[in-house]
Amino acid sequence: MVKNRKLLNEELGRKTVAEYKAASKNPVVVVLDNVRSLNNVGSVFRTSDAFLVEKIYLCGITGKPPHPEIHRSALGAEKSVDWEYAADTIDVIARLKSEGFVVVSIEQAEQAILLNKFQPENDKKYALVFGNEVKGVAQNVVDESDLCIEIPQFGTKHSFNISVSAGIVLWDLCLKLCDMC
């Protein structure tokens, strides 16, 4: 039986905030469309930091730093990952499209592509839209998206917490796009 020793924090090669800011990022931004839970917002910051996401857009009722509940789950990632607040998600979508991003709503929708079947193009930039915990991505945002991706699910619930969805999708997409892996 192989014995594994847990690595110490200093052995993990963690970047400082300054190193993160200077690092080459994955061509991915996250858009949070009216996410109500501050813990979910913080978790998305933490996951975005882990996968070198360029930026997070916090839209509508989505909470924004500084806030103790965001900080509690972000563990400081709200300081490393760039973010911007916008009152209207549609305005952010329009701007990102004009900047050449492919806008992808993570939603169960007609014509949605299953995440495991989605093959991103390495020369494209992606804006991933995650929606409200109860209502999902707003229909008008889905309408303006270039495509929808659905996470395959096999149980009775057919829904994930938004922070879990963000973790699954960012892990999959960033590994597919990652030059460093």
Protein backbone atom coordinates (compact mmCIF):
# COMPACT_ATOMS: atom_id res chain seq x y z
CA MET A 1 0.00 0.00 0.00
CA VAL A 2 1.37 3.40 -0.99
CA LYS A 3 1.46 5.97 1.77
CA ASN A 4 0.82 9.52 0.66
CA ARG A 5 1.93 12.53 2.63
CA LYS A 6 -0.25 15.59 2.43
CA LEU A 7 1.62 18.54 0.98
CA LEU A 8 2.25 21.52 3.18
CA ASN A 9 0.83 24.88 2.08
CA GLU A 10 4.32 26.13 1.23
CA GLU A 11 4.79 23.16 -1.13
CA LEU A 12 1.73 23.98 -3.24
CA GLY A 13 3.35 26.69 -5.36
CA ARG A 14 0.55 29.15 -4.68
CA LYS A 15 0.73 32.47 -6.43
CA THR A 16 0.65 35.71 -4.51
CA VAL A 17 -2.08 38.17 -5.48
CA ALA A 18 0.51 40.14 -7.48
CA GLU A 19 1.68 36.97 -9.26
CA TYR A 20 -1.94 36.05 -10.04
CA LYS A 21 -2.62 39.50 -11.46
CA ALA A 22 0.49 39.21 -13.68
CA ALA A 23 -0.14 35.60 -14.75
CA SER A 24 -1.44 34.63 -18.16
CA LYS A 25 -5.16 33.84 -17.81
CA ASN A 26 -7.47 31.40 -19.50
CA PRO A 27 -9.62 33.14 -22.14
CA VAL A 28 -12.65 32.88 -19.87
CA VAL A 29 -14.80 35.34 -17.95
CA VAL A 30 -17.68 34.51 -15.63
CA VAL A 31 -20.98 36.40 -15.57
CA LEU A 32 -23.21 35.97 -12.52
CA ASP A 33 -26.81 36.78 -13.43
CA ASN A 34 -28.73 37.74 -10.27
CA VAL A 35 -27.05 35.26 -7.92
CA ARG A 36 -28.56 35.89 -4.50
CA SER A 37 -26.26 33.89 -2.17
CA LEU A 38 -23.14 35.71 -1.06
CA ASN A 39 -21.58 32.34 -0.20
CA ASN A 40 -22.11 31.23 -3.81
CA VAL A 41 -20.52 34.46 -5.06
CA GLY A 42 -17.50 33.87 -2.83
CA SER A 43 -17.21 30.26 -3.97
CA VAL A 44 -17.24 31.36 -7.61
CA PHE A 45 -14.43 33.82 -6.85
CA ARG A 46 -12.39 31.02 -5.27
CA THR A 47 -13.00 28.63 -8.18
CA SER A 48 -12.26 31.37 -10.72
CA ASP A 49 -8.94 32.03 -8.98
CA ALA A 50 -8.07 28.32 -9.12
CA PHE A 51 -8.64 28.22 -12.90
CA LEU A 52 -7.03 31.58 -13.77
CA VAL A 53 -10.25 33.21 -14.99
CA GLU A 54 -9.77 36.71 -16.43
CA LYS A 55 -12.68 38.43 -14.71
CA ILE A 56 -16.05 38.03 -13.00
CA TYR A 57 -19.03 40.24 -13.84
CA LEU A 58 -21.49 40.59 -10.96
CA CYS A 59 -24.91 41.56 -12.33
CA GLY A 60 -28.26 42.65 -10.94
CA ILE A 61 -28.87 41.58 -7.35
CA THR A 62 -25.56 39.68 -7.17
CA GLY A 63 -23.61 40.81 -4.12
CA LYS A 64 -20.19 42.34 -4.48
CA PRO A 65 -17.03 42.68 -2.42
CA PRO A 66 -16.17 43.77 0.10
CA HIS A 67 -18.59 41.68 2.14
CA PRO A 68 -17.76 39.32 5.02
CA GLU A 69 -19.93 36.48 3.62
CA ILE A 70 -18.22 36.69 0.21
CA HIS A 71 -14.82 36.81 1.88
CA ARG A 72 -15.63 33.80 4.08
CA SER A 73 -16.05 31.47 1.08
CA ALA A 74 -13.69 33.29 -1.32
CA LEU A 75 -10.79 33.15 1.17
CA GLY A 76 -9.27 36.26 -0.40
CA ALA A 77 -9.88 35.36 -4.06
CA GLU A 78 -12.04 38.49 -4.32
CA LYS A 79 -8.73 40.36 -4.15
CA SER A 80 -6.97 38.33 -6.85
CA VAL A 81 -9.69 37.90 -9.49
CA ASP A 82 -10.71 41.08 -11.31
CA TRP A 83 -14.39 41.86 -11.06
CA GLU A 84 -16.89 44.45 -12.16
CA TYR A 85 -20.47 45.18 -11.15
CA ALA A 86 -23.22 45.97 -13.67
CA ALA A 87 -26.90 46.53 -12.97
CA ASP A 88 -28.02 44.83 -16.20
CA THR A 89 -26.72 41.47 -17.42
CA ILE A 90 -27.82 42.21 -21.00
CA ASP A 91 -25.53 45.26 -21.12
CA VAL A 92 -22.58 43.08 -20.05
CA ILE A 93 -23.48 40.43 -22.65
CA ALA A 94 -23.62 43.05 -25.41
CA ARG A 95 -20.23 44.46 -24.39
CA LEU A 96 -18.61 41.03 -24.20
CA LYS A 97 -19.97 40.09 -27.63
CA SER A 98 -18.54 43.33 -29.05
CA GLU A 99 -15.18 42.31 -27.53
CA GLY A 100 -15.31 38.98 -29.37
CA PHE A 101 -16.45 36.69 -26.56
CA VAL A 102 -18.62 33.66 -27.26
CA VAL A 103 -21.42 33.99 -24.69
CA VAL A 104 -22.40 30.64 -23.17
CA SER A 105 -25.30 30.31 -20.74
CA ILE A 106 -25.03 27.33 -18.42
CA GLU A 107 -28.63 26.26 -18.55
CA GLN A 108 -31.00 23.43 -19.34
CA ALA A 109 -32.46 24.63 -22.62
CA GLU A 110 -33.59 23.43 -26.02
CA GLN A 111 -30.56 22.92 -28.26
CA ALA A 112 -28.20 22.94 -25.27
CA ILE A 113 -24.91 21.13 -25.81
CA LEU A 114 -23.96 18.64 -23.13
CA LEU A 115 -20.80 19.77 -21.37
CA ASN A 116 -18.95 16.54 -22.12
CA LYS A 117 -19.70 16.98 -25.85
CA PHE A 118 -18.66 20.66 -26.00
CA GLN A 119 -15.33 21.29 -27.71
CA PRO A 120 -14.17 24.89 -27.31
CA GLU A 121 -12.05 26.49 -29.99
CA ASN A 122 -8.60 27.52 -28.73
CA ASP A 123 -8.70 30.83 -30.61
CA LYS A 124 -11.96 31.99 -28.97
CA LYS A 125 -12.73 33.73 -25.69
CA TYR A 126 -15.66 32.50 -23.60
CA ALA A 127 -18.09 34.28 -21.28
CA LEU A 128 -19.83 31.75 -19.05
CA VAL A 129 -23.17 32.91 -17.63
CA PHE A 130 -24.43 31.33 -14.41
CA GLY A 131 -27.88 32.20 -13.12
CA ASN A 132 -30.01 32.64 -10.05
CA GLU A 133 -30.23 29.73 -7.62
CA VAL A 134 -33.98 29.28 -8.21
CA LYS A 135 -34.75 30.74 -11.64
CA GLY A 136 -31.49 29.99 -13.43
CA VAL A 137 -30.20 32.24 -16.22
CA ALA A 138 -32.90 34.76 -17.22
CA GLN A 139 -34.64 33.92 -20.50
CA ASN A 140 -33.65 37.25 -22.08
CA VAL A 141 -30.00 36.41 -21.30
CA VAL A 142 -30.40 32.92 -22.77
CA ASP A 143 -31.92 34.58 -25.87
CA GLU A 144 -28.82 36.77 -26.29
CA SER A 145 -26.37 33.92 -25.69
CA ASP A 146 -24.50 32.28 -28.54
CA LEU A 147 -25.15 28.85 -27.08
CA CYS A 148 -26.16 26.98 -23.97
CA ILE A 149 -24.24 24.24 -22.22
CA GLU A 150 -25.98 21.74 -19.97
CA ILE A 151 -24.25 19.63 -17.35
CA PRO A 152 -25.41 16.02 -17.76
CA GLN A 153 -27.23 14.81 -14.63
CA PHE A 154 -28.72 11.43 -13.83
CA GLY A 155 -30.63 11.68 -10.53
CA THR A 156 -34.01 13.06 -9.59
CA LYS A 157 -33.10 16.71 -8.95
CA HIS A 158 -31.51 17.82 -12.21
CA SER A 159 -30.03 20.91 -10.67
CA PHE A 160 -26.76 21.80 -9.01
CA ASN A 161 -25.93 24.63 -6.67
CA ILE A 162 -24.52 27.48 -8.77
CA SER A 163 -21.10 27.20 -7.13
CA VAL A 164 -20.99 23.48 -7.95
CA SER A 165 -22.03 24.21 -11.56
CA ALA A 166 -19.30 26.83 -11.84
CA GLY A 167 -16.72 24.37 -10.50
CA ILE A 168 -17.73 21.63 -12.92
CA VAL A 169 -17.89 23.87 -15.99
CA LEU A 170 -14.74 25.87 -15.25
CA TRP A 171 -12.75 22.69 -14.56
CA ASP A 172 -13.90 21.10 -17.80
CA LEU A 173 -13.53 24.17 -20.03
CA CYS A 174 -10.22 25.33 -18.60
CA LEU A 175 -8.69 21.87 -18.93
CA LYS A 176 -9.81 21.77 -22.56
CA LEU A 177 -8.30 25.23 -23.18
CA CYS A 178 -5.28 24.98 -20.89
CA ASP A 179 -1.84 25.27 -22.47
CA MET A 180 -0.19 24.73 -19.09
CA CYS A 181 -1.73 21.30 -18.36
